[in-house]
Amino acid sequence: MRNHVNRQSISLYTSFIVSNLLLFVYTSGIAQAKVKASDKVTASAKKRIIGFKASRKYSVKQLKADFDILFNAFKEAHPGFYWYTSKAAFAKKYDSLKKHITRPMTELEFYRLVRPLAVQINCGHTQLYTSVKFRNHFRKKINYFPLHLKFINGKAYIYQNHSQDSTVQLGLQVAHINGQPIHKVINKLFSYTPSDGFNTTYKYRILDQDFPLLYPYYINAKVDTFNIQCIETQSKQRVHYRLASLSRKEYRKSVRKQRQSEAPALQFKMIGNQDDESADNTRPATEHPLKRARVAVLKIKSFQNNTLRKQGFSFSQYIRNVFRTLRKKRVRHLILDLRENSGGTVRNGILLYSYLTKRRFKYFNYEKVTTNRPFSFMRYVNSYRSRMVNNKLLVKTDSGYYVSNKLHYNLKTHKPSKYNYKRNLYILINGRSFSATTQFASLVHANKRGFFIGEETGGGYKGCTAGRICYVNLPYTKMRLKIPLIKYSNAIASDYKTEGHGIMPDYNLQPKMGDILKGVDTEMEYVLEMIRKKEEE
């Protein structure tokens, strides 16, 4: 009896040990399998990241497929595709470019070949980008141009020195880069830089900002040393520099070091107050000749709500307070500075104009799209980034599809503000005055509401294509298209002869390089002198 019981107990104990051992081996196997699987995923991910090769070549068939999708997407979705370039001209350009796809190409070769097609649409909101992987790889590997240039009257001047050579003299005119005349460099970069219509001031301002990056992207990415020939503006003597290119890390470090603290997007000041100085802060208020002229300056660097909110601004509240102050202080001269304002939220432009008019007004004649149906290339659309037009807002007419006047705020008739400003107005503009900024300024100009000083705006006088945006990823190269979906027609008279251009200033004025380096605001001083003379009359 006892032996039976003992044998049974031993048997049960043995079974328990064996079963647990098997369970341990089984679970350990699963855990190891998971670890191995995880290692494989990690290794695979690393391989995808590390293994990206900018030198990879795509077949002729793949390149032509991407090119056809690109061209058809523009034709189908872009409402301004034939605005400035005829259908025949585009067909000719398409055939010409496609004939050059006769061999396998890297992404950069293909990008440089086809980007001019996007530029020929003559729309500053239309873009063709490289793939994200290529962009990230390229920016880390390329050699940056070591100088920031300033372009004035078609000439390039040294504005900032990022090189290690402390002898580089700012303000010199650049004549040649690696033996190539600067005008040829400019023309080359212009062929890759979009703008509205036939405008060039916007292109120049883009070169001001991005020349160190644009040069390697579109001309040569592997220059170790730059031979730069310059001209001394006074003596006309030739000056030569041999400067090493910069890595991305070196370039960004130098830019951060030289960059001044970011100015607020909205700034307002009275000129001549007891506790204030002039706009350029060079004259004591007590000696200021405009002390009794009651002059105010409102600088708006952006209409973009996201930018404004990040800096703690409510545009509507800020503007309301400004114009209340103008009335309270009985300001006679308002200088509105829109230079470097690349646009933003349309409603902010509408609101600002309501403070500058005493009549009800229309802001746009119409907003037009190409269709109310899904595009044929929808499987390539990045739905996460794209903001498509709401079909419920569209009305079909004999001439196409339009956004409803009754349903959309932008197209309604707007009322003037009760704090509207009626006196002298001066608007400072330049090539970076673009998009929503030009829409607003076009209405001011068309109604002869003020004087414009500076250079032609970057945005189109009669309108632009912008608003809702569609992003398309090409299936093989993964290059990305940015297509604006709405054509805006500014509410101006149709007889203005400015087709293909922006707002032409009443007083065409370019800043002087010497003034820029000294911190003198050429355009602002010009306006203040205008006001001085007006007050003396």
Protein backbone atom coordinates (compact mmCIF):
# COMPACT_ATOMS: atom_id res chain seq x y z
CA MET A 1 0.00 0.00 0.00
CA ARG A 2 2.71 2.37 0.98
CA ASN A 3 4.85 1.40 -1.99
CA HIS A 4 1.96 2.02 -4.39
CA VAL A 5 1.36 5.39 -2.92
CA ASN A 6 5.02 6.30 -3.13
CA ARG A 7 5.33 5.21 -6.73
CA GLN A 8 2.25 7.26 -7.64
CA SER A 9 3.61 10.33 -5.87
CA ILE A 10 6.93 9.90 -7.60
CA SER A 11 5.17 9.52 -10.94
CA LEU A 12 3.10 12.65 -10.38
CA TYR A 13 6.17 14.62 -9.28
CA THR A 14 8.13 13.44 -12.31
CA SER A 15 5.28 14.41 -14.62
CA PHE A 16 5.11 17.84 -13.02
CA ILE A 17 8.85 18.39 -13.48
CA VAL A 18 8.82 17.19 -17.07
CA SER A 19 5.79 19.29 -18.02
CA ASN A 20 7.30 22.43 -16.50
CA LEU A 21 10.58 21.75 -18.23
CA LEU A 22 8.81 21.38 -21.56
CA LEU A 23 6.85 24.57 -20.88
CA PHE A 24 10.06 26.43 -20.08
CA VAL A 25 11.72 25.19 -23.25
CA TYR A 26 8.65 26.14 -25.29
CA THR A 27 8.32 29.66 -23.83
CA SER A 28 12.07 30.19 -24.10
CA GLY A 29 11.87 29.21 -27.73
CA ILE A 30 9.09 31.72 -28.33
CA ALA A 31 11.02 34.45 -26.53
CA GLN A 32 14.16 33.71 -28.52
CA ALA A 33 12.13 33.65 -31.72
CA LYS A 34 10.66 37.05 -30.82
CA VAL A 35 14.12 38.42 -30.05
CA LYS A 36 15.46 37.08 -33.32
CA ALA A 37 12.45 38.46 -35.20
CA SER A 38 12.94 41.81 -33.48
CA ASP A 39 16.62 41.73 -34.38
CA LYS A 40 15.69 40.98 -37.98
CA VAL A 41 13.24 43.92 -38.07
CA THR A 42 15.80 46.25 -36.51
CA ALA A 43 18.51 45.02 -38.83
CA SER A 44 16.17 45.38 -41.77
CA ALA A 45 15.26 48.93 -40.72
CA LYS A 46 18.93 49.79 -40.30
CA LYS A 47 19.68 48.28 -43.67
CA ARG A 48 16.98 50.42 -45.27
CA ILE A 49 18.33 53.58 -43.64
CA ILE A 50 22.05 52.91 -43.99
CA GLY A 51 21.66 51.15 -47.32
CA PHE A 52 20.09 54.13 -49.13
CA LYS A 53 22.31 54.97 -52.06
CA ALA A 54 22.07 58.30 -53.82
CA SER A 55 23.89 56.65 -56.73
CA ARG A 56 21.06 54.18 -57.35
CA LYS A 57 19.89 54.35 -60.95
CA TYR A 58 16.32 53.94 -62.14
CA SER A 59 15.49 52.26 -65.41
CA VAL A 60 14.24 54.18 -68.45
CA LYS A 61 10.84 52.51 -68.02
CA GLN A 62 10.57 53.63 -64.37
CA LEU A 63 11.67 57.19 -65.15
CA LYS A 64 9.21 57.56 -68.01
CA ALA A 65 6.40 56.20 -65.85
CA ASP A 66 7.15 58.74 -63.11
CA PHE A 67 7.46 61.53 -65.67
CA ASP A 68 4.08 60.71 -67.23
CA ILE A 69 2.39 60.67 -63.82
CA LEU A 70 4.01 64.01 -62.98
CA PHE A 71 2.92 65.68 -66.21
CA ASN A 72 -0.62 64.27 -66.14
CA ALA A 73 -1.08 65.25 -62.47
CA PHE A 74 -0.22 68.84 -63.31
CA LYS A 75 -2.57 68.89 -66.31
CA GLU A 76 -5.42 67.30 -64.41
CA ALA A 77 -5.24 69.10 -61.06
CA HIS A 78 -3.43 72.42 -61.49
CA PRO A 79 -5.99 75.20 -62.20
CA GLY A 80 -3.33 77.55 -63.56
CA PHE A 81 -1.42 75.09 -65.71
CA TYR A 82 -2.04 77.03 -68.92
CA TRP A 83 -2.26 80.49 -67.31
CA TYR A 84 1.12 81.78 -68.50
CA THR A 85 2.33 78.99 -70.80
CA SER A 86 0.29 77.72 -73.75
CA LYS A 87 -0.82 74.14 -74.21
CA ALA A 88 1.40 73.85 -77.30
CA ALA A 89 4.45 75.13 -75.40
CA PHE A 90 3.91 72.59 -72.62
CA ALA A 91 3.47 69.76 -75.10
CA LYS A 92 6.73 70.77 -76.75
CA LYS A 93 8.51 70.93 -73.40
CA TYR A 94 7.11 67.54 -72.41
CA ASP A 95 8.27 65.89 -75.65
CA SER A 96 11.70 67.50 -75.39
CA LEU A 97 12.29 66.33 -71.82
CA LYS A 98 10.98 62.82 -72.45
CA LYS A 99 13.38 62.41 -75.38
CA HIS A 100 16.24 62.96 -72.92
CA ILE A 101 15.19 59.93 -70.87
CA THR A 102 17.25 57.48 -72.90
CA ARG A 103 19.39 55.91 -70.17
CA PRO A 104 19.11 54.94 -66.49
CA MET A 105 19.51 57.94 -64.18
CA THR A 106 20.07 58.67 -60.52
CA GLU A 107 17.37 60.58 -58.69
CA LEU A 108 19.42 63.79 -58.78
CA GLU A 109 19.96 63.52 -62.54
CA PHE A 110 16.26 62.93 -63.12
CA TYR A 111 15.30 65.71 -60.71
CA ARG A 112 17.52 68.24 -62.45
CA LEU A 113 16.06 67.19 -65.79
CA VAL A 114 12.35 67.49 -64.96
CA ARG A 115 12.16 70.24 -62.33
CA PRO A 116 12.24 73.00 -65.02
CA LEU A 117 8.87 71.65 -66.22
CA ALA A 118 7.33 72.51 -62.83
CA VAL A 119 9.03 75.92 -62.93
CA GLN A 120 7.57 76.63 -66.39
CA ILE A 121 4.06 76.61 -64.90
CA ASN A 122 5.08 80.00 -63.48
CA CYS A 123 3.46 79.41 -60.11
CA GLY A 124 5.41 80.13 -56.95
CA HIS A 125 3.25 77.69 -54.96
CA THR A 126 4.02 74.76 -57.28
CA GLN A 127 6.97 72.64 -56.26
CA LEU A 128 8.76 69.44 -57.21
CA TYR A 129 10.86 67.97 -54.40
CA THR A 130 13.27 65.06 -54.25
CA SER A 131 12.35 62.03 -52.14
CA VAL A 132 12.61 62.47 -48.38
CA LYS A 133 15.41 59.89 -48.13
CA PHE A 134 17.42 61.54 -50.87
CA ARG A 135 16.92 65.00 -49.37
CA ASN A 136 18.12 63.90 -45.94
CA HIS A 137 21.10 62.05 -47.41
CA PHE A 138 22.01 64.83 -49.83
CA ARG A 139 21.98 67.64 -47.28
CA LYS A 140 24.37 65.70 -45.06
CA LYS A 141 26.78 64.79 -47.83
CA ILE A 142 26.96 67.90 -50.03
CA ASN A 143 29.48 70.71 -49.82
CA TYR A 144 27.86 74.05 -49.06
CA PHE A 145 28.86 77.35 -50.68
CA PRO A 146 30.59 79.34 -47.89
CA LEU A 147 29.06 82.78 -48.51
CA HIS A 148 25.60 84.31 -48.33
CA LEU A 149 25.06 86.64 -51.27
CA LYS A 150 22.77 89.63 -51.66
CA PHE A 151 21.33 90.29 -55.12
CA ILE A 152 20.73 93.94 -56.03
CA ASN A 153 19.89 95.15 -59.54
CA GLY A 154 20.94 91.80 -60.99
CA LYS A 155 24.35 91.83 -59.30
CA ALA A 156 25.60 89.62 -56.48
CA TYR A 157 27.37 91.01 -53.40
CA ILE A 158 28.99 89.27 -50.43
CA TYR A 159 26.58 89.69 -47.54
CA GLN A 160 27.74 87.13 -44.95
CA ASN A 161 30.96 85.15 -44.65
CA HIS A 162 30.65 81.60 -43.30
CA SER A 163 34.17 80.55 -44.26
CA GLN A 164 37.26 80.37 -42.02
CA ASP A 165 38.95 83.13 -44.06
CA SER A 166 38.54 86.30 -41.99
CA THR A 167 40.00 88.43 -44.79
CA VAL A 168 36.84 88.10 -46.91
CA GLN A 169 35.51 91.62 -47.38
CA LEU A 170 31.74 92.08 -47.14
CA GLY A 171 30.10 94.18 -49.84
CA LEU A 172 32.34 93.08 -52.71
CA GLN A 173 30.60 92.33 -56.00
CA VAL A 174 30.98 88.69 -57.06
CA ALA A 175 31.98 88.34 -60.73
CA HIS A 176 32.89 84.65 -61.16
CA ILE A 177 32.50 81.41 -59.21
CA ASN A 178 34.93 78.68 -60.26
CA GLY A 179 35.47 80.42 -63.58
CA GLN A 180 31.76 80.72 -64.36
CA PRO A 181 30.36 84.28 -64.76
CA ILE A 182 27.82 85.08 -62.07
CA HIS A 183 25.10 85.91 -64.60
CA LYS A 184 25.32 82.35 -65.94
CA VAL A 185 25.07 80.99 -62.41
CA ILE A 186 21.99 83.15 -61.83
CA ASN A 187 20.33 82.07 -65.07
CA LYS A 188 20.97 78.42 -64.24
CA LEU A 189 19.43 78.75 -60.78
CA PHE A 190 16.49 80.74 -62.16
CA SER A 191 15.56 77.77 -64.37
CA TYR A 192 15.02 75.76 -61.17
CA THR A 193 13.32 78.49 -59.10
CA PRO A 194 9.54 78.99 -59.50
CA SER A 195 7.72 82.31 -59.21
CA ASP A 196 4.35 83.78 -60.18
CA GLY A 197 4.18 84.71 -63.85
CA PHE A 198 7.32 86.21 -65.36
CA ASN A 199 8.46 87.81 -62.12
CA THR A 200 12.17 87.73 -61.21
CA THR A 201 12.26 89.68 -57.93
CA TYR A 202 10.91 86.64 -56.07
CA LYS A 203 13.63 84.48 -57.61
CA TYR A 204 16.33 86.93 -56.48
CA ARG A 205 15.00 86.95 -52.91
CA ILE A 206 15.07 83.15 -52.88
CA LEU A 207 18.73 83.31 -53.94
CA ASP A 208 19.36 85.81 -51.13
CA GLN A 209 18.10 83.23 -48.67
CA ASP A 210 19.23 79.88 -50.06
CA PHE A 211 22.20 80.34 -52.41
CA PRO A 212 24.62 78.22 -50.29
CA LEU A 213 22.21 75.27 -50.62
CA LEU A 214 20.91 75.92 -54.16
CA TYR A 215 24.39 75.94 -55.70
CA PRO A 216 25.18 72.31 -54.81
CA TYR A 217 21.64 71.15 -55.58
CA TYR A 218 21.55 72.47 -59.13
CA ILE A 219 25.13 73.17 -60.21
CA ASN A 220 27.76 71.12 -58.36
CA ALA A 221 27.45 69.26 -55.05
CA LYS A 222 31.06 68.09 -54.77
CA VAL A 223 33.14 71.28 -54.85
CA ASP A 224 35.89 71.12 -52.23
CA THR A 225 37.28 74.58 -52.98
CA PHE A 226 35.57 77.64 -54.45
CA ASN A 227 37.61 80.11 -56.50
CA ILE A 228 35.71 83.38 -56.27
CA GLN A 229 36.60 86.46 -58.26
CA CYS A 230 35.22 89.73 -56.90
CA ILE A 231 35.20 93.41 -57.84
CA GLU A 232 35.79 96.25 -55.41
CA THR A 233 32.85 98.58 -56.10
CA GLN A 234 34.79 101.85 -55.74
CA SER A 235 38.22 101.11 -57.22
CA LYS A 236 36.99 98.36 -59.59
CA GLN A 237 40.01 96.30 -58.59
CA ARG A 238 39.80 92.52 -58.83
CA VAL A 239 39.95 90.53 -55.60
CA HIS A 240 40.39 86.74 -55.54
CA TYR A 241 39.42 84.34 -52.78
CA ARG A 242 40.04 80.62 -52.52
CA LEU A 243 37.55 79.29 -49.97
CA ALA A 244 36.92 75.78 -48.71
CA SER A 245 33.39 74.45 -48.94
CA LEU A 246 31.43 73.75 -45.77
CA SER A 247 29.79 70.65 -44.35
CA ARG A 248 26.16 70.88 -43.24
CA LYS A 249 27.25 71.00 -39.59
CA GLU A 250 29.75 73.82 -40.24
CA TYR A 251 27.25 75.79 -42.31
CA ARG A 252 24.41 75.55 -39.78
CA LYS A 253 26.72 76.45 -36.91
CA SER A 254 27.90 79.59 -38.72
CA VAL A 255 24.35 80.60 -39.68
CA ARG A 256 23.14 80.26 -36.09
CA LYS A 257 26.09 82.32 -34.87
CA GLN A 258 25.43 85.17 -37.32
CA ARG A 259 21.65 85.09 -37.19
CA GLN A 260 20.16 87.84 -35.10
CA SER A 261 17.34 87.12 -32.68
CA GLU A 262 14.08 86.63 -34.53
CA ALA A 263 12.04 89.82 -34.80
CA PRO A 264 8.34 89.66 -33.88
CA ALA A 265 5.95 88.95 -36.76
CA LEU A 266 3.97 92.07 -35.82
CA GLN A 267 5.55 95.38 -34.81
CA PHE A 268 3.97 98.79 -34.33
CA LYS A 269 5.52 102.06 -33.28
CA MET A 270 4.94 105.78 -33.37
CA ILE A 271 7.79 107.90 -34.69
CA GLY A 272 8.66 111.00 -32.71
CA ASN A 273 7.28 110.05 -29.29
CA GLN A 274 9.23 111.32 -26.32
CA ASP A 275 10.20 107.76 -25.34
CA ASP A 276 10.95 106.67 -28.89
CA GLU A 277 13.43 107.23 -31.65
CA SER A 278 13.16 107.11 -35.40
CA ALA A 279 12.38 103.94 -37.33
CA ASP A 280 16.06 103.19 -37.80
CA ASN A 281 16.98 104.26 -34.26
CA THR A 282 19.62 106.72 -35.40
CA ARG A 283 18.20 110.07 -34.29
CA PRO A 284 17.14 111.20 -30.82
CA ALA A 285 13.40 111.85 -30.65
CA THR A 286 13.92 115.41 -29.46
CA GLU A 287 15.72 116.25 -32.72
CA HIS A 288 13.46 114.25 -34.99
CA PRO A 289 11.98 116.43 -37.79
CA LEU A 290 8.89 114.19 -37.87
CA LYS A 291 8.09 114.67 -34.20
CA ARG A 292 4.91 116.63 -34.95
CA ALA A 293 4.00 114.84 -38.16
CA ARG A 294 2.32 111.98 -36.29
CA VAL A 295 3.87 109.10 -38.24
CA ALA A 296 3.30 105.42 -37.39
CA VAL A 297 4.95 102.25 -38.69
CA LEU A 298 3.18 98.89 -38.80
CA LYS A 299 5.42 96.00 -39.85
CA ILE A 300 3.75 92.69 -40.72
CA LYS A 301 6.21 89.87 -41.44
CA SER A 302 3.54 87.19 -41.84
CA PHE A 303 -0.19 86.70 -42.29
CA GLN A 304 0.15 83.03 -41.28
CA ASN A 305 -1.93 82.30 -38.18
CA ASN A 306 0.31 79.41 -37.07
CA THR A 307 3.37 81.67 -37.12
CA LEU A 308 1.54 84.44 -35.29
CA ARG A 309 0.14 82.14 -32.60
CA LYS A 310 3.56 80.68 -31.88
CA GLN A 311 4.70 84.19 -31.00
CA GLY A 312 1.61 84.81 -28.87
CA PHE A 313 -0.24 87.08 -31.30
CA SER A 314 -3.93 87.24 -32.12
CA PHE A 315 -3.92 89.03 -35.48
CA SER A 316 -7.46 90.41 -35.16
CA GLN A 317 -6.90 91.72 -31.65
CA TYR A 318 -3.50 93.23 -32.45
CA ILE A 319 -4.74 95.00 -35.59
CA ARG A 320 -7.82 96.32 -33.78
CA ASN A 321 -5.61 97.83 -31.08
CA VAL A 322 -3.30 99.36 -33.71
CA PHE A 323 -6.07 101.14 -35.56
CA ARG A 324 -7.70 102.32 -32.36
CA THR A 325 -4.34 103.86 -31.49
CA LEU A 326 -4.07 105.48 -34.93
CA ARG A 327 -7.41 107.17 -34.38
CA LYS A 328 -6.66 108.14 -30.79
CA LYS A 329 -3.26 109.61 -31.71
CA ARG A 330 -4.70 111.23 -34.87
CA VAL A 331 -1.95 109.72 -37.00
CA ARG A 332 -1.58 111.45 -40.37
CA HIS A 333 0.96 109.09 -42.00
CA LEU A 334 0.91 105.30 -41.73
CA ILE A 335 3.82 103.26 -43.14
CA LEU A 336 2.81 99.65 -43.74
CA ASP A 337 5.92 97.46 -44.11
CA LEU A 338 5.15 94.21 -46.00
CA ARG A 339 8.69 93.36 -47.05
CA GLU A 340 9.72 89.72 -46.54
CA ASN A 341 6.07 88.81 -45.85
CA SER A 342 5.53 85.63 -47.88
CA GLY A 343 1.81 85.43 -47.11
CA GLY A 344 -0.38 83.18 -44.99
CA THR A 345 -4.04 83.28 -43.98
CA VAL A 346 -6.34 85.03 -46.49
CA ARG A 347 -8.78 86.17 -43.82
CA ASN A 348 -6.09 88.26 -42.17
CA GLY A 349 -5.60 90.18 -45.42
CA ILE A 350 -9.35 90.75 -45.69
CA LEU A 351 -9.46 91.98 -42.10
CA LEU A 352 -6.55 94.37 -42.61
CA TYR A 353 -8.09 95.87 -45.74
CA SER A 354 -11.36 96.49 -43.85
CA TYR A 355 -9.39 98.97 -41.70
CA LEU A 356 -8.13 100.86 -44.77
CA THR A 357 -11.38 101.48 -46.64
CA LYS A 358 -14.68 103.20 -45.92
CA ARG A 359 -16.65 101.22 -48.52
CA ARG A 360 -17.97 97.67 -48.74
CA PHE A 361 -15.63 95.59 -50.86
CA LYS A 362 -15.06 92.29 -52.67
CA TYR A 363 -11.69 90.64 -52.09
CA PHE A 364 -11.76 88.06 -54.92
CA ASN A 365 -13.60 87.91 -58.23
CA TYR A 366 -13.67 84.13 -58.05
CA GLU A 367 -11.98 80.94 -56.85
CA LYS A 368 -11.76 78.21 -59.50
CA VAL A 369 -10.77 74.51 -59.50
CA THR A 370 -10.30 71.97 -62.31
CA THR A 371 -12.91 69.38 -61.34
CA ASN A 372 -15.23 68.10 -58.63
CA ARG A 373 -14.27 64.47 -59.20
CA PRO A 374 -11.43 62.36 -57.75
CA PHE A 375 -8.18 62.60 -59.70
CA SER A 376 -6.99 59.61 -61.74
CA PHE A 377 -3.72 59.60 -59.76
CA MET A 378 -5.35 59.41 -56.32
CA ARG A 379 -3.45 56.22 -55.38
CA TYR A 380 -0.26 58.28 -55.38
CA VAL A 381 -1.66 61.15 -53.30
CA ASN A 382 -0.32 61.61 -49.79
CA SER A 383 -3.70 61.84 -48.06
CA TYR A 384 -2.11 62.68 -44.70
CA ARG A 385 -0.52 65.90 -45.99
CA SER A 386 -2.98 66.90 -48.71
CA ARG A 387 -5.90 69.25 -48.05
CA MET A 388 -8.39 68.71 -50.83
CA VAL A 389 -11.21 71.05 -51.87
CA ASN A 390 -14.60 70.33 -50.30
CA ASN A 391 -16.90 69.40 -53.18
CA LYS A 392 -19.92 70.75 -51.28
CA LEU A 393 -18.54 74.26 -51.84
CA LEU A 394 -18.31 73.86 -55.65
CA VAL A 395 -20.69 75.12 -58.31
CA LYS A 396 -20.54 73.91 -61.91
CA THR A 397 -20.90 76.51 -64.68
CA ASP A 398 -20.34 76.56 -68.44
CA SER A 399 -16.78 77.80 -67.89
CA GLY A 400 -15.79 75.33 -65.18
CA TYR A 401 -16.01 74.59 -61.47
CA TYR A 402 -16.04 77.49 -59.02
CA VAL A 403 -16.22 77.91 -55.26
CA SER A 404 -19.66 79.17 -54.31
CA ASN A 405 -19.94 82.90 -53.60
CA LYS A 406 -22.73 82.22 -51.11
CA LEU A 407 -20.96 79.53 -49.11
CA HIS A 408 -17.38 80.76 -48.80
CA TYR A 409 -16.34 83.70 -46.60
CA ASN A 410 -13.54 84.85 -48.92
CA LEU A 411 -15.99 85.54 -51.76
CA LYS A 412 -18.57 87.52 -49.82
CA THR A 413 -18.93 91.30 -49.82
CA HIS A 414 -17.13 92.61 -46.74
CA LYS A 415 -17.81 95.63 -44.55
CA PRO A 416 -15.30 98.31 -43.56
CA SER A 417 -14.24 98.50 -39.93
CA LYS A 418 -15.62 101.33 -37.81
CA TYR A 419 -11.99 102.15 -36.92
CA ASN A 420 -10.96 102.49 -40.57
CA TYR A 421 -7.96 104.71 -41.30
CA LYS A 422 -8.55 107.40 -43.94
CA ARG A 423 -5.30 109.35 -44.11
CA ASN A 424 -1.93 108.95 -45.88
CA LEU A 425 -0.73 105.40 -46.45
CA TYR A 426 2.68 104.17 -47.66
CA ILE A 427 3.33 100.48 -48.40
CA LEU A 428 6.85 98.99 -48.49
CA ILE A 429 7.12 95.92 -50.73
CA ASN A 430 9.80 93.65 -52.17
CA GLY A 431 10.14 90.35 -54.02
CA ARG A 432 9.34 88.35 -50.89
CA SER A 433 5.94 90.05 -50.62
CA PHE A 434 4.11 87.01 -51.90
CA SER A 435 0.86 85.02 -51.95
CA ALA A 436 -1.73 86.41 -49.46
CA THR A 437 0.42 89.54 -49.05
CA THR A 438 0.19 90.36 -52.75
CA GLN A 439 -3.55 89.58 -52.76
CA PHE A 440 -4.06 92.20 -50.06
CA ALA A 441 -1.67 94.72 -51.62
CA SER A 442 -3.30 94.31 -55.07
CA LEU A 443 -6.60 95.54 -53.67
CA VAL A 444 -4.89 98.51 -52.03
CA HIS A 445 -3.11 99.33 -55.30
CA ALA A 446 -6.17 98.87 -57.53
CA ASN A 447 -8.18 101.26 -55.35
CA LYS A 448 -5.33 103.80 -55.29
CA ARG A 449 -5.40 103.71 -51.52
CA GLY A 450 -1.68 104.38 -50.96
CA PHE A 451 1.81 104.82 -52.37
CA PHE A 452 3.99 101.75 -53.01
CA ILE A 453 7.74 101.90 -52.44
CA GLY A 454 10.34 99.21 -53.10
CA GLU A 455 10.46 96.55 -55.81
CA GLU A 456 7.89 94.46 -57.70
CA THR A 457 6.08 91.97 -55.45
CA GLY A 458 6.80 88.28 -55.87
CA GLY A 459 3.11 87.39 -56.07
CA GLY A 460 0.95 87.94 -59.16
CA TYR A 461 -1.00 91.19 -59.35
CA LYS A 462 -4.14 89.62 -60.83
CA GLY A 463 -4.09 86.46 -58.74
CA CYS A 464 -2.35 83.19 -58.04
CA THR A 465 -2.92 79.47 -57.58
CA ALA A 466 -2.76 78.47 -53.92
CA GLY A 467 -5.16 77.53 -51.13
CA ARG A 468 -5.79 73.81 -50.83
CA ILE A 469 -2.73 71.69 -51.65
CA CYS A 470 -2.37 68.20 -53.11
CA TYR A 471 0.87 66.23 -52.53
CA VAL A 472 1.72 63.44 -54.98
CA ASN A 473 4.43 60.81 -54.41
CA LEU A 474 5.85 59.39 -57.64
CA PRO A 475 5.86 55.57 -57.37
CA TYR A 476 9.46 54.79 -58.38
CA THR A 477 11.74 57.69 -57.50
CA LYS A 478 9.45 58.79 -54.63
CA MET A 479 9.89 62.41 -55.69
CA ARG A 480 7.08 64.64 -54.44
CA LEU A 481 4.82 67.11 -56.25
CA LYS A 482 3.10 70.00 -54.52
CA ILE A 483 0.07 71.12 -56.55
CA PRO A 484 -2.11 74.07 -55.49
CA LEU A 485 -5.76 73.34 -56.28
CA ILE A 486 -7.45 76.79 -56.31
CA LYS A 487 -7.02 79.63 -58.77
CA TYR A 488 -7.67 82.99 -57.09
CA SER A 489 -8.68 86.03 -59.13
CA ASN A 490 -8.06 89.24 -57.18
CA ALA A 491 -10.93 91.74 -57.19
CA ILE A 492 -9.28 94.28 -59.47
CA ALA A 493 -10.24 95.82 -62.80
CA SER A 494 -9.45 93.60 -65.78
CA ASP A 495 -7.84 96.44 -67.77
CA TYR A 496 -4.69 96.61 -65.59
CA LYS A 497 -1.81 95.76 -67.92
CA THR A 498 0.21 93.68 -65.50
CA GLU A 499 -0.23 90.21 -66.96
CA GLY A 500 2.44 87.92 -65.60
CA HIS A 501 3.82 90.42 -63.08
CA GLY A 502 3.31 91.59 -59.53
CA ILE A 503 2.53 95.03 -58.15
CA MET A 504 4.81 97.60 -59.70
CA PRO A 505 5.80 100.20 -57.08
CA ASP A 506 5.14 103.89 -57.56
CA TYR A 507 8.71 104.48 -56.44
CA ASN A 508 11.02 101.71 -57.65
CA LEU A 509 13.79 101.45 -55.11
CA GLN A 510 16.51 98.91 -54.39
CA PRO A 511 18.43 98.92 -51.11
CA LYS A 512 22.10 99.88 -51.32
CA MET A 513 24.67 97.32 -50.24
CA GLY A 514 26.56 99.91 -48.22
CA ASP A 515 23.36 100.83 -46.36
CA ILE A 516 22.57 97.17 -45.67
CA LEU A 517 25.97 96.56 -44.10
CA LYS A 518 25.62 99.72 -41.99
CA GLY A 519 22.13 98.73 -40.84
CA VAL A 520 20.47 101.63 -42.65
CA ASP A 521 16.99 100.93 -44.03
CA THR A 522 17.16 102.53 -47.51
CA GLU A 523 13.44 102.22 -48.31
CA MET A 524 12.26 103.41 -44.90
CA GLU A 525 14.51 106.46 -45.04
CA TYR A 526 13.15 107.26 -48.50
CA VAL A 527 9.56 107.19 -47.21
CA LEU A 528 10.41 109.33 -44.20
CA GLU A 529 11.98 111.88 -46.51
CA MET A 530 8.79 111.88 -48.60
CA ILE A 531 6.78 112.62 -45.47
CA ARG A 532 9.17 115.38 -44.38
CA LYS A 533 8.75 117.12 -47.71
CA LYS A 534 4.99 116.69 -47.59
CA GLU A 535 4.85 118.24 -44.13
CA GLU A 536 6.97 121.19 -45.24
CA GLU A 537 4.66 122.05 -48.14
